[in-house]
PDB file of all heavy atoms in Angstrom:
ATOM      1  N   GLY A   1       0.801  -1.234   0.008  1.00  0.00           N
ATOM      2  CA  GLY A   1       0.007   0.011  -0.002  1.00  0.00           C
ATOM      3  C   GLY A   1       0.817   1.261  -0.015  1.00  0.00           C
ATOM      4  O   GLY A   1       0.274   2.370   0.139  1.00  0.00           O
ATOM      5  N   LYS A   2       2.132   1.151  -0.219  1.00  0.00           N
ATOM      6  CA  LYS A   2       3.021   2.315  -0.164  1.00  0.00           C
ATOM      7  C   LYS A   2       3.533   2.718  -1.548  1.00  0.00           C
ATOM      8  O   LYS A   2       4.516   3.440  -1.661  1.00  0.00           O
ATOM      9  CB  LYS A   2       4.165   2.087   0.816  1.00  0.00           C
ATOM     10  CG  LYS A   2       3.750   1.887   2.252  1.00  0.00           C
ATOM     11  CD  LYS A   2       4.911   1.656   3.134  1.00  0.00           C
ATOM     12  CE  LYS A   2       4.442   1.448   4.596  1.00  0.00           C
ATOM     13  NZ  LYS A   2       5.605   1.219   5.514  1.00  0.00           N
ATOM     14  N   PHE A   3       2.864   2.260  -2.604  1.00  0.00           N
ATOM     15  CA  PHE A   3       3.223   2.599  -4.002  1.00  0.00           C
ATOM     16  C   PHE A   3       3.012   4.065  -4.190  1.00  0.00           C
ATOM     17  O   PHE A   3       1.945   4.617  -3.917  1.00  0.00           O
ATOM     18  CB  PHE A   3       2.390   1.773  -4.946  1.00  0.00           C
ATOM     19  CG  PHE A   3       2.640   2.146  -6.393  1.00  0.00           C
ATOM     20  CD1 PHE A   3       3.895   2.089  -6.936  1.00  0.00           C
ATOM     21  CD2 PHE A   3       1.588   2.525  -7.191  1.00  0.00           C
ATOM     22  CE1 PHE A   3       4.096   2.390  -8.276  1.00  0.00           C
ATOM     23  CE2 PHE A   3       1.752   2.825  -8.520  1.00  0.00           C
ATOM     24  CZ  PHE A   3       3.029   2.785  -9.061  1.00  0.00           C
ATOM     25  N   GLU A   4       4.043   4.817  -4.615  1.00  0.00           N
ATOM     26  CA  GLU A   4       3.961   6.253  -4.729  1.00  0.00           C
ATOM     27  C   GLU A   4       3.817   6.728  -6.179  1.00  0.00           C
ATOM     28  O   GLU A   4       3.841   7.900  -6.451  1.00  0.00           O
ATOM     29  CB  GLU A   4       5.195   6.896  -4.101  1.00  0.00           C
ATOM     30  CG  GLU A   4       5.336   6.642  -2.617  1.00  0.00           C
ATOM     31  CD  GLU A   4       6.522   7.330  -1.997  1.00  0.00           C
ATOM     32  OE1 GLU A   4       7.421   7.753  -2.740  1.00  0.00           O
ATOM     33  OE2 GLU A   4       6.625   7.451  -0.751  1.00  0.00           O
ATOM     34  N   GLY A   5       3.671   5.773  -7.141  1.00  0.00           N
ATOM     35  CA  GLY A   5       3.523   6.186  -8.523  1.00  0.00           C
ATOM     36  C   GLY A   5       2.123   6.267  -9.014  1.00  0.00           C
ATOM     37  O   GLY A   5       1.888   6.410 -10.218  1.00  0.00           O
ATOM     38  N   THR A   6       1.162   6.233  -8.093  1.00  0.00           N
ATOM     39  CA  THR A   6      -0.264   6.330  -8.449  1.00  0.00           C
ATOM     40  C   THR A   6      -0.602   7.662  -9.095  1.00  0.00           C
ATOM     41  O   THR A   6      -0.189   8.678  -8.602  1.00  0.00           O
ATOM     42  CB  THR A   6      -1.136   6.092  -7.236  1.00  0.00           C
ATOM     43  OG1 THR A   6      -0.747   4.916  -6.547  1.00  0.00           O
ATOM     44  CG2 THR A   6      -2.625   5.998  -7.612  1.00  0.00           C
ATOM     45  N   ALA A   7      -1.377   7.628 -10.146  1.00  0.00           N
ATOM     46  CA  ALA A   7      -1.843   8.848 -10.771  1.00  0.00           C
ATOM     47  C   ALA A   7      -2.962   9.456  -9.929  1.00  0.00           C
ATOM     48  O   ALA A   7      -3.649   8.769  -9.201  1.00  0.00           O
ATOM     49  CB  ALA A   7      -2.406   8.551 -12.194  1.00  0.00           C
ATOM     50  N   HIS A   8      -3.129  10.767 -10.054  1.00  0.00           N
ATOM     51  CA  HIS A   8      -4.279  11.418  -9.378  1.00  0.00           C
ATOM     52  C   HIS A   8      -5.621  10.866  -9.872  1.00  0.00           C
ATOM     53  O   HIS A   8      -6.517  10.674  -9.088  1.00  0.00           O
ATOM     54  CB  HIS A   8      -4.242  12.935  -9.639  1.00  0.00           C
ATOM     55  CG  HIS A   8      -3.158  13.690  -8.942  1.00  0.00           C
ATOM     56  ND1 HIS A   8      -1.872  13.761  -9.436  1.00  0.00           N
ATOM     57  CD2 HIS A   8      -3.174  14.367  -7.791  1.00  0.00           C
ATOM     58  CE1 HIS A   8      -1.130  14.516  -8.611  1.00  0.00           C
ATOM     59  NE2 HIS A   8      -1.926  14.848  -7.599  1.00  0.00           N
ATOM     60  N   PHE A   9      -5.649  10.599 -11.163  1.00  0.00           N
ATOM     61  CA  PHE A   9      -6.869  10.129 -11.754  1.00  0.00           C
ATOM     62  C   PHE A   9      -6.565   8.969 -12.755  1.00  0.00           C
ATOM     63  O   PHE A   9      -5.481   8.911 -13.271  1.00  0.00           O
ATOM     64  CB  PHE A   9      -7.599  11.220 -12.576  1.00  0.00           C
ATOM     65  CG  PHE A   9      -7.890  12.477 -11.795  1.00  0.00           C
ATOM     66  CD1 PHE A   9      -6.955  13.512 -11.749  1.00  0.00           C
ATOM     67  CD2 PHE A   9      -9.071  12.605 -11.098  1.00  0.00           C
ATOM     68  CE1 PHE A   9      -7.230  14.670 -11.030  1.00  0.00           C
ATOM     69  CE2 PHE A   9      -9.346  13.748 -10.383  1.00  0.00           C
ATOM     70  CZ  PHE A   9      -8.423  14.802 -10.326  1.00  0.00           C
ATOM     71  N   SER A  10      -7.526   8.103 -12.971  1.00  0.00           N
ATOM     72  CA  SER A  10      -7.449   7.153 -14.057  1.00  0.00           C
ATOM     73  C   SER A  10      -8.778   7.187 -14.824  1.00  0.00           C
ATOM     74  O   SER A  10      -9.812   7.569 -14.249  1.00  0.00           O
ATOM     75  CB  SER A  10      -7.203   5.713 -13.566  1.00  0.00           C
ATOM     76  OG  SER A  10      -8.231   5.257 -12.668  1.00  0.00           O
ATOM     77  N   ILE A  11      -8.738   6.831 -16.100  1.00  0.00           N
ATOM     78  CA  ILE A  11      -9.952   6.807 -16.913  1.00  0.00           C
ATOM     79  C   ILE A  11     -10.009   5.475 -17.624  1.00  0.00           C
ATOM     80  O   ILE A  11      -9.101   5.132 -18.377  1.00  0.00           O
ATOM     81  CB  ILE A  11      -9.929   7.988 -17.965  1.00  0.00           C
ATOM     82  CG1 ILE A  11      -9.729   9.315 -17.266  1.00  0.00           C
ATOM     83  CG2 ILE A  11     -11.226   7.949 -18.781  1.00  0.00           C
ATOM     84  CD1 ILE A  11      -9.614  10.493 -18.274  1.00  0.00           C
ATOM     85  N   ASP A  12     -11.057   4.748 -17.401  1.00  0.00           N
ATOM     86  CA  ASP A  12     -11.192   3.409 -18.047  1.00  0.00           C
ATOM     87  C   ASP A  12     -11.651   3.578 -19.460  1.00  0.00           C
ATOM     88  O   ASP A  12     -11.934   4.659 -19.965  1.00  0.00           O
ATOM     89  CB  ASP A  12     -12.035   2.452 -17.226  1.00  0.00           C
ATOM     90  CG  ASP A  12     -13.547   2.823 -17.199  1.00  0.00           C
ATOM     91  OD1 ASP A  12     -13.987   3.579 -18.068  1.00  0.00           O
ATOM     92  OD2 ASP A  12     -14.249   2.376 -16.278  1.00  0.00           O
ATOM     93  N   LYS A  13     -11.742   2.430 -20.185  1.00  0.00           N
ATOM     94  CA  LYS A  13     -12.019   2.483 -21.613  1.00  0.00           C
ATOM     95  C   LYS A  13     -13.475   2.876 -21.933  1.00  0.00           C
ATOM     96  O   LYS A  13     -13.808   3.214 -23.064  1.00  0.00           O
ATOM     97  CB  LYS A  13     -11.681   1.159 -22.295  1.00  0.00           C
ATOM     98  CG  LYS A  13     -10.150   0.966 -22.328  1.00  0.00           C
ATOM     99  CD  LYS A  13      -9.723   0.049 -23.461  1.00  0.00           C
ATOM    100  CE  LYS A  13      -8.227   0.048 -23.608  1.00  0.00           C
ATOM    101  NZ  LYS A  13      -7.759  -0.658 -24.781  1.00  0.00           N
ATOM    102  N   THR A  14     -14.335   2.792 -20.904  1.00  0.00           N
ATOM    103  CA  THR A  14     -15.713   3.277 -21.096  1.00  0.00           C
ATOM    104  C   THR A  14     -15.849   4.787 -20.944  1.00  0.00           C
ATOM    105  O   THR A  14     -16.862   5.370 -21.246  1.00  0.00           O
ATOM    106  CB  THR A  14     -16.686   2.592 -20.133  1.00  0.00           C
ATOM    107  OG1 THR A  14     -16.464   3.062 -18.770  1.00  0.00           O
ATOM    108  CG2 THR A  14     -16.532   1.095 -20.200  1.00  0.00           C
ATOM    109  N   GLY A  15     -14.760   5.406 -20.418  1.00  0.00           N
ATOM    110  CA  GLY A  15     -14.778   6.846 -20.197  1.00  0.00           C
ATOM    111  C   GLY A  15     -15.028   7.252 -18.738  1.00  0.00           C
ATOM    112  O   GLY A  15     -15.084   8.427 -18.438  1.00  0.00           O
ATOM    113  N   LYS A  16     -15.116   6.242 -17.845  1.00  0.00           N
ATOM    114  CA  LYS A  16     -15.387   6.576 -16.418  1.00  0.00           C
ATOM    115  C   LYS A  16     -14.102   7.082 -15.806  1.00  0.00           C
ATOM    116  O   LYS A  16     -13.018   6.514 -15.965  1.00  0.00           O
ATOM    117  CB  LYS A  16     -15.912   5.345 -15.695  1.00  0.00           C
ATOM    118  CG  LYS A  16     -16.434   5.653 -14.316  1.00  0.00           C
ATOM    119  CD  LYS A  16     -17.133   4.449 -13.687  1.00  0.00           C
ATOM    120  CE  LYS A  16     -17.759   4.775 -12.321  1.00  0.00           C
ATOM    121  NZ  LYS A  16     -18.446   3.634 -11.763  1.00  0.00           N
ATOM    122  N   ILE A  17     -14.228   8.131 -15.034  1.00  0.00           N
ATOM    123  CA  ILE A  17     -13.098   8.791 -14.318  1.00  0.00           C
ATOM    124  C   ILE A  17     -13.062   8.391 -12.895  1.00  0.00           C
ATOM    125  O   ILE A  17     -14.081   8.376 -12.191  1.00  0.00           O
ATOM    126  CB  ILE A  17     -13.239  10.308 -14.457  1.00  0.00           C
ATOM    127  CG1 ILE A  17     -13.292  10.779 -15.903  1.00  0.00           C
ATOM    128  CG2 ILE A  17     -12.033  10.976 -13.705  1.00  0.00           C
ATOM    129  CD1 ILE A  17     -13.641  12.272 -16.061  1.00  0.00           C
ATOM    130  N   TYR A  18     -11.856   8.021 -12.397  1.00  0.00           N
ATOM    131  CA  TYR A  18     -11.662   7.668 -10.990  1.00  0.00           C
ATOM    132  C   TYR A  18     -10.614   8.554 -10.392  1.00  0.00           C
ATOM    133  O   TYR A  18      -9.580   8.850 -11.016  1.00  0.00           O
ATOM    134  CB  TYR A  18     -11.219   6.179 -10.874  1.00  0.00           C
ATOM    135  CG  TYR A  18     -12.105   5.181 -11.516  1.00  0.00           C
ATOM    136  CD1 TYR A  18     -11.935   4.846 -12.866  1.00  0.00           C
ATOM    137  CD2 TYR A  18     -13.168   4.596 -10.835  1.00  0.00           C
ATOM    138  CE1 TYR A  18     -12.778   3.910 -13.473  1.00  0.00           C
ATOM    139  CE2 TYR A  18     -13.987   3.653 -11.441  1.00  0.00           C
ATOM    140  CZ  TYR A  18     -13.788   3.349 -12.776  1.00  0.00           C
ATOM    141  OH  TYR A  18     -14.603   2.429 -13.341  1.00  0.00           O
ATOM    142  N   GLN A  19     -10.808   9.015  -9.131  1.00  0.00           N
ATOM    143  CA  GLN A  19      -9.850   9.824  -8.474  1.00  0.00           C
ATOM    144  C   GLN A  19      -9.197   9.010  -7.361  1.00  0.00           C
ATOM    145  O   GLN A  19      -9.831   8.399  -6.523  1.00  0.00           O
ATOM    146  CB  GLN A  19     -10.520  11.050  -7.827  1.00  0.00           C
ATOM    147  CG  GLN A  19      -9.486  11.979  -7.170  1.00  0.00           C
ATOM    148  CD  GLN A  19     -10.084  13.322  -6.765  1.00  0.00           C
ATOM    149  OE1 GLN A  19     -11.271  13.573  -6.956  1.00  0.00           O
ATOM    150  NE2 GLN A  19      -9.261  14.158  -6.120  1.00  0.00           N
ATOM    151  N   HIS A  20      -7.816   8.964  -7.379  1.00  0.00           N
ATOM    152  CA  HIS A  20      -7.071   8.158  -6.437  1.00  0.00           C
ATOM    153  C   HIS A  20      -6.351   9.003  -5.378  1.00  0.00           C
ATOM    154  O   HIS A  20      -6.133   8.517  -4.257  1.00  0.00           O
ATOM    155  CB  HIS A  20      -5.997   7.360  -7.188  1.00  0.00           C
ATOM    156  CG  HIS A  20      -6.536   6.467  -8.274  1.00  0.00           C
ATOM    157  ND1 HIS A  20      -7.124   5.241  -7.998  1.00  0.00           N
ATOM    158  CD2 HIS A  20      -6.634   6.667  -9.601  1.00  0.00           C
ATOM    159  CE1 HIS A  20      -7.522   4.699  -9.133  1.00  0.00           C
ATOM    160  NE2 HIS A  20      -7.262   5.523 -10.124  1.00  0.00           N
ATOM    161  N   LEU A  21      -6.057  10.253  -5.693  1.00  0.00           N
ATOM    162  CA  LEU A  21      -5.310  11.115  -4.795  1.00  0.00           C
ATOM    163  C   LEU A  21      -6.041  12.440  -4.614  1.00  0.00           C
ATOM    164  O   LEU A  21      -6.761  12.895  -5.505  1.00  0.00           O
ATOM    165  CB  LEU A  21      -3.905  11.410  -5.343  1.00  0.00           C
ATOM    166  CG  LEU A  21      -2.993  10.231  -5.590  1.00  0.00           C
ATOM    167  CD1 LEU A  21      -1.686  10.706  -6.190  1.00  0.00           C
ATOM    168  CD2 LEU A  21      -2.694   9.444  -4.319  1.00  0.00           C
ATOM    169  N   PRO A  22      -5.833  13.136  -3.466  1.00  0.00           N
ATOM    170  CA  PRO A  22      -6.358  14.493  -3.303  1.00  0.00           C
ATOM    171  C   PRO A  22      -5.838  15.423  -4.378  1.00  0.00           C
ATOM    172  O   PRO A  22      -4.726  15.183  -4.915  1.00  0.00           O
ATOM    173  CB  PRO A  22      -5.924  14.890  -1.918  1.00  0.00           C
ATOM    174  CG  PRO A  22      -5.614  13.629  -1.221  1.00  0.00           C
ATOM    175  CD  PRO A  22      -5.104  12.680  -2.268  1.00  0.00           C
ATOM    176  N   TYR A  23      -6.543  16.497  -4.670  1.00  0.00           N
ATOM    177  CA  TYR A  23      -6.112  17.414  -5.700  1.00  0.00           C
ATOM    178  C   TYR A  23      -4.715  17.982  -5.392  1.00  0.00           C
ATOM    179  O   TYR A  23      -3.790  17.965  -6.248  1.00  0.00           O
ATOM    180  CB  TYR A  23      -7.099  18.586  -5.845  1.00  0.00           C
ATOM    181  CG  TYR A  23      -8.400  18.179  -6.469  1.00  0.00           C
ATOM    182  CD1 TYR A  23      -9.542  18.076  -5.678  1.00  0.00           C
ATOM    183  CD2 TYR A  23      -8.465  17.925  -7.848  1.00  0.00           C
ATOM    184  CE1 TYR A  23     -10.766  17.688  -6.251  1.00  0.00           C
ATOM    185  CE2 TYR A  23      -9.692  17.534  -8.426  1.00  0.00           C
ATOM    186  CZ  TYR A  23     -10.819  17.430  -7.645  1.00  0.00           C
ATOM    187  OH  TYR A  23     -11.997  17.006  -8.197  1.00  0.00           O
ATOM    188  N   LEU A  24      -4.530  18.527  -4.190  1.00  0.00           N
ATOM    189  CA  LEU A  24      -3.290  19.184  -3.871  1.00  0.00           C
ATOM    190  C   LEU A  24      -2.290  18.190  -3.198  1.00  0.00           C
ATOM    191  O   LEU A  24      -1.878  18.355  -2.053  1.00  0.00           O
ATOM    192  CB  LEU A  24      -3.525  20.388  -2.969  1.00  0.00           C
ATOM    193  CG  LEU A  24      -4.469  21.447  -3.639  1.00  0.00           C
ATOM    194  CD1 LEU A  24      -4.633  22.623  -2.650  1.00  0.00           C
ATOM    195  CD2 LEU A  24      -3.868  21.948  -4.962  1.00  0.00           C
ATOM    196  N   SER A  25      -1.968  17.158  -3.960  1.00  0.00           N
ATOM    197  CA  SER A  25      -1.037  16.174  -3.497  1.00  0.00           C
ATOM    198  C   SER A  25       0.007  15.898  -4.603  1.00  0.00           C
ATOM    199  O   SER A  25      -0.186  16.273  -5.759  1.00  0.00           O
ATOM    200  CB  SER A  25      -1.736  14.852  -3.145  1.00  0.00           C
ATOM    201  OG  SER A  25      -2.346  14.286  -4.282  1.00  0.00           O
ATOM    202  N   THR A  26       1.112  15.259  -4.221  1.00  0.00           N
ATOM    203  CA  THR A  26       2.144  14.939  -5.216  1.00  0.00           C
ATOM    204  C   THR A  26       2.418  13.439  -5.154  1.00  0.00           C
ATOM    205  O   THR A  26       2.074  12.756  -4.195  1.00  0.00           O
ATOM    206  CB  THR A  26       3.430  15.734  -4.947  1.00  0.00           C
ATOM    207  OG1 THR A  26       4.362  15.547  -6.022  1.00  0.00           O
ATOM    208  CG2 THR A  26       4.089  15.310  -3.618  1.00  0.00           C
ATOM    209  N   ASN A  27       2.978  12.935  -6.242  1.00  0.00           N
ATOM    210  CA  ASN A  27       3.309  11.502  -6.315  1.00  0.00           C
ATOM    211  C   ASN A  27       4.682  11.341  -7.017  1.00  0.00           C
ATOM    212  O   ASN A  27       5.455  12.325  -7.115  1.00  0.00           O
ATOM    213  CB  ASN A  27       2.229  10.731  -7.067  1.00  0.00           C
ATOM    214  CG  ASN A  27       1.950  11.366  -8.418  1.00  0.00           C
ATOM    215  OD1 ASN A  27       2.729  12.118  -8.944  1.00  0.00           O
ATOM    216  ND2 ASN A  27       0.790  11.040  -8.993  1.00  0.00           N
ATOM    217  N   ARG A  28       4.984  10.164  -7.491  1.00  0.00           N
ATOM    218  CA  ARG A  28       6.242   9.965  -8.190  1.00  0.00           C
ATOM    219  C   ARG A  28       5.976   9.370  -9.566  1.00  0.00           C
ATOM    220  O   ARG A  28       6.494   8.309  -9.964  1.00  0.00           O
ATOM    221  CB  ARG A  28       7.145   8.987  -7.378  1.00  0.00           C
ATOM    222  CG  ARG A  28       7.542   9.586  -5.990  1.00  0.00           C
ATOM    223  CD  ARG A  28       8.363   8.622  -5.174  1.00  0.00           C
ATOM    224  NE  ARG A  28       9.605   8.281  -5.817  1.00  0.00           N
ATOM    225  CZ  ARG A  28      10.490   7.397  -5.295  1.00  0.00           C
ATOM    226  NH1 ARG A  28      10.257   6.836  -4.124  1.00  0.00           N
ATOM    227  NH2 ARG A  28      11.601   7.139  -5.922  1.00  0.00           N
ATOM    228  N   PHE A  29       5.193  10.073 -10.326  1.00  0.00           N
ATOM    229  CA  PHE A  29       4.763   9.661 -11.651  1.00  0.00           C
ATOM    230  C   PHE A  29       5.903   9.785 -12.655  1.00  0.00           C
ATOM    231  O   PHE A  29       6.069   8.970 -13.525  1.00  0.00           O
ATOM    232  CB  PHE A  29       3.599  10.525 -12.108  1.00  0.00           C
ATOM    233  CG  PHE A  29       2.737   9.924 -13.184  1.00  0.00           C
ATOM    234  CD1 PHE A  29       1.922   8.831 -12.924  1.00  0.00           C
ATOM    235  CD2 PHE A  29       2.685  10.476 -14.448  1.00  0.00           C
ATOM    236  CE1 PHE A  29       1.104   8.308 -13.898  1.00  0.00           C
ATOM    237  CE2 PHE A  29       1.888   9.945 -15.438  1.00  0.00           C
ATOM    238  CZ  PHE A  29       1.083   8.861 -15.176  1.00  0.00           C
ATOM    239  N   ILE A  30       6.704  10.831 -12.505  1.00  0.00           N
ATOM    240  CA  ILE A  30       7.850  11.060 -13.426  1.00  0.00           C
ATOM    241  C   ILE A  30       9.157  10.732 -12.717  1.00  0.00           C
ATOM    242  O   ILE A  30      10.186  10.494 -13.363  1.00  0.00           O
ATOM    243  CB  ILE A  30       7.875  12.543 -13.867  1.00  0.00           C
ATOM    244  CG1 ILE A  30       6.651  12.841 -14.741  1.00  0.00           C
ATOM    245  CG2 ILE A  30       9.139  12.862 -14.684  1.00  0.00           C
ATOM    246  CD1 ILE A  30       6.615  12.138 -16.042  1.00  0.00           C
ATOM    247  N   GLU A  31       9.127  10.636 -11.397  1.00  0.00           N
ATOM    248  CA  GLU A  31      10.365  10.460 -10.621  1.00  0.00           C
ATOM    249  C   GLU A  31      11.257  11.688 -10.632  1.00  0.00           C
ATOM    250  O   GLU A  31      12.502  11.532 -10.572  1.00  0.00           O
ATOM    251  CB  GLU A  31      11.136   9.193 -11.066  1.00  0.00           C
ATOM    252  CG  GLU A  31      10.360   7.876 -10.962  1.00  0.00           C
ATOM    253  CD  GLU A  31      10.241   7.395  -9.479  1.00  0.00           C
ATOM    254  OE1 GLU A  31      10.908   8.017  -8.615  1.00  0.00           O
ATOM    255  OE2 GLU A  31       9.541   6.412  -9.262  1.00  0.00           O
ATOM    256  N   ASP A  32      10.689  12.848 -10.784  1.00  0.00           N
ATOM    257  CA  ASP A  32      11.426  14.098 -10.643  1.00  0.00           C
ATOM    258  C   ASP A  32      10.595  14.965  -9.685  1.00  0.00           C
ATOM    259  O   ASP A  32       9.473  15.332  -9.974  1.00  0.00           O
ATOM    260  CB  ASP A  32      11.586  14.811 -11.992  1.00  0.00           C
ATOM    261  CG  ASP A  32      12.296  16.120 -11.930  1.00  0.00           C
ATOM    262  OD1 ASP A  32      11.706  17.061 -11.382  1.00  0.00           O
ATOM    263  OD2 ASP A  32      13.435  16.229 -12.427  1.00  0.00           O
ATOM    264  N   PHE A  33      11.148  15.316  -8.502  1.00  0.00           N
ATOM    265  CA  PHE A  33      10.338  15.957  -7.485  1.00  0.00           C
ATOM    266  C   PHE A  33       9.681  17.224  -7.974  1.00  0.00           C
ATOM    267  O   PHE A  33       8.494  17.434  -7.771  1.00  0.00           O
ATOM    268  CB  PHE A  33      11.191  16.250  -6.245  1.00  0.00           C
ATOM    269  CG  PHE A  33      10.421  16.998  -5.214  1.00  0.00           C
ATOM    270  CD1 PHE A  33       9.482  16.405  -4.398  1.00  0.00           C
ATOM    271  CD2 PHE A  33      10.573  18.403  -5.062  1.00  0.00           C
ATOM    272  CE1 PHE A  33       8.739  17.127  -3.458  1.00  0.00           C
ATOM    273  CE2 PHE A  33       9.837  19.127  -4.169  1.00  0.00           C
ATOM    274  CZ  PHE A  33       8.936  18.477  -3.331  1.00  0.00           C
ATOM    275  N   LYS A  34      10.431  18.087  -8.640  1.00  0.00           N
ATOM    276  CA  LYS A  34       9.857  19.401  -9.046  1.00  0.00           C
ATOM    277  C   LYS A  34       8.720  19.194 -10.023  1.00  0.00           C
ATOM    278  O   LYS A  34       7.664  19.796  -9.862  1.00  0.00           O
ATOM    279  CB  LYS A  34      10.967  20.254  -9.621  1.00  0.00           C
ATOM    280  CG  LYS A  34      10.452  21.626 -10.091  1.00  0.00           C
ATOM    281  CD  LYS A  34      11.561  22.457 -10.724  1.00  0.00           C
ATOM    282  CE  LYS A  34      11.022  23.811 -11.199  1.00  0.00           C
ATOM    283  NZ  LYS A  34      12.076  24.639 -11.844  1.00  0.00           N
ATOM    284  N   ILE A  35       8.950  18.368 -11.045  1.00  0.00           N
ATOM    285  CA  ILE A  35       7.891  18.115 -12.019  1.00  0.00           C
ATOM    286  C   ILE A  35       6.693  17.489 -11.414  1.00  0.00           C
ATOM    287  O   ILE A  35       5.519  17.913 -11.615  1.00  0.00           O
ATOM    288  CB  ILE A  35       8.462  17.243 -13.176  1.00  0.00           C
ATOM    289  CG1 ILE A  35       9.592  17.979 -13.914  1.00  0.00           C
ATOM    290  CG2 ILE A  35       7.340  16.868 -14.137  1.00  0.00           C
ATOM    291  CD1 ILE A  35      10.276  17.144 -14.925  1.00  0.00           C
ATOM    292  N   ASP A  36       6.889  16.415 -10.600  1.00  0.00           N
ATOM    293  CA  ASP A  36       5.778  15.739  -9.981  1.00  0.00           C
ATOM    294  C   ASP A  36       4.987  16.653  -9.026  1.00  0.00           C
ATOM    295  O   ASP A  36       3.752  16.601  -8.995  1.00  0.00           O
ATOM    296  CB  ASP A  36       6.269  14.508  -9.194  1.00  0.00           C
ATOM    297  CG  ASP A  36       6.678  13.353 -10.097  1.00  0.00           C
ATOM    298  OD1 ASP A  36       6.088  13.244 -11.166  1.00  0.00           O
ATOM    299  OD2 ASP A  36       7.622  12.628  -9.736  1.00  0.00           O
ATOM    300  N   ASP A  37       5.675  17.504  -8.301  1.00  0.00           N
ATOM    301  CA  ASP A  37       5.054  18.383  -7.343  1.00  0.00           C
ATOM    302  C   ASP A  37       4.132  19.414  -8.038  1.00  0.00           C
ATOM    303  O   ASP A  37       3.128  19.817  -7.473  1.00  0.00           O
ATOM    304  CB  ASP A  37       6.104  19.089  -6.512  1.00  0.00           C
ATOM    305  CG  ASP A  37       5.511  19.651  -5.215  1.00  0.00           C
ATOM    306  OD1 ASP A  37       4.824  18.902  -4.488  1.00  0.00           O
ATOM    307  OD2 ASP A  37       5.729  20.872  -4.969  1.00  0.00           O
ATOM    308  N   GLN A  38       4.499  19.790  -9.252  1.00  0.00           N
ATOM    309  CA  GLN A  38       3.751  20.807  -9.969  1.00  0.00           C
ATOM    310  C   GLN A  38       2.653  20.234 -10.905  1.00  0.00           C
ATOM    311  O   GLN A  38       1.999  20.977 -11.613  1.00  0.00           O
ATOM    312  CB  GLN A  38       4.711  21.663 -10.823  1.00  0.00           C
ATOM    313  CG  GLN A  38       5.703  22.451 -10.015  1.00  0.00           C
ATOM    314  CD  GLN A  38       6.717  23.156 -10.867  1.00  0.00           C
ATOM    315  OE1 GLN A  38       6.916  22.839 -12.062  1.00  0.00           O
ATOM    316  NE2 GLN A  38       7.437  24.182 -10.333  1.00  0.00           N
ATOM    317  N   SER A  39       2.467  18.908 -10.843  1.00  0.00           N
ATOM    318  CA  SER A  39       1.649  18.306 -11.850  1.00  0.00           C
ATOM    319  C   SER A  39       0.444  17.525 -11.323  1.00  0.00           C
ATOM    320  O   SER A  39       0.505  16.947 -10.224  1.00  0.00           O
ATOM    321  CB  SER A  39       2.495  17.268 -12.663  1.00  0.00           C
ATOM    322  OG  SER A  39       3.616  17.920 -13.229  1.00  0.00           O
ATOM    323  N   PHE A  40      -0.679  17.572 -12.116  1.00  0.00           N
ATOM    324  CA  PHE A  40      -1.721  16.569 -11.980  1.00  0.00           C
ATOM    325  C   PHE A  40      -1.376  15.460 -12.909  1.00  0.00           C
ATOM    326  O   PHE A  40      -0.827  15.681 -13.985  1.00  0.00           O
ATOM    327  CB  PHE A  40      -3.080  17.167 -12.370  1.00  0.00           C
ATOM    328  CG  PHE A  40      -3.650  18.107 -11.346  1.00  0.00           C
ATOM    329  CD1 PHE A  40      -3.773  19.492 -11.664  1.00  0.00           C
ATOM    330  CD2 PHE A  40      -4.120  17.654 -10.135  1.00  0.00           C
ATOM    331  CE1 PHE A  40      -4.344  20.332 -10.735  1.00  0.00           C
ATOM    332  CE2 PHE A  40      -4.637  18.541  -9.188  1.00  0.00           C
ATOM    333  CZ  PHE A  40      -4.782  19.879  -9.506  1.00  0.00           C
ATOM    334  N   THR A  41      -1.719  14.213 -12.514  1.00  0.00           N
ATOM    335  CA  THR A  41      -1.375  13.065 -13.382  1.00  0.00           C
ATOM    336  C   THR A  41      -2.638  12.264 -13.690  1.00  0.00           C
ATOM    337  O   THR A  41      -3.482  12.031 -12.790  1.00  0.00           O
ATOM    338  CB  THR A  41      -0.312  12.193 -12.700  1.00  0.00           C
ATOM    339  OG1 THR A  41      -0.760  11.851 -11.345  1.00  0.00           O
ATOM    340  CG2 THR A  41       1.011  12.900 -12.627  1.00  0.00           C
TER     341      THR A  41
END
């Protein structure tokens, strides 16, 4: 449960949107702190 590469949102093939993280949060999607901190994923 400590995976840090989770996107803020995912969208399945039917078009349904899921939110995984709070809006004002950061993750390790790119593995660059500055870029990840400034980004929604």
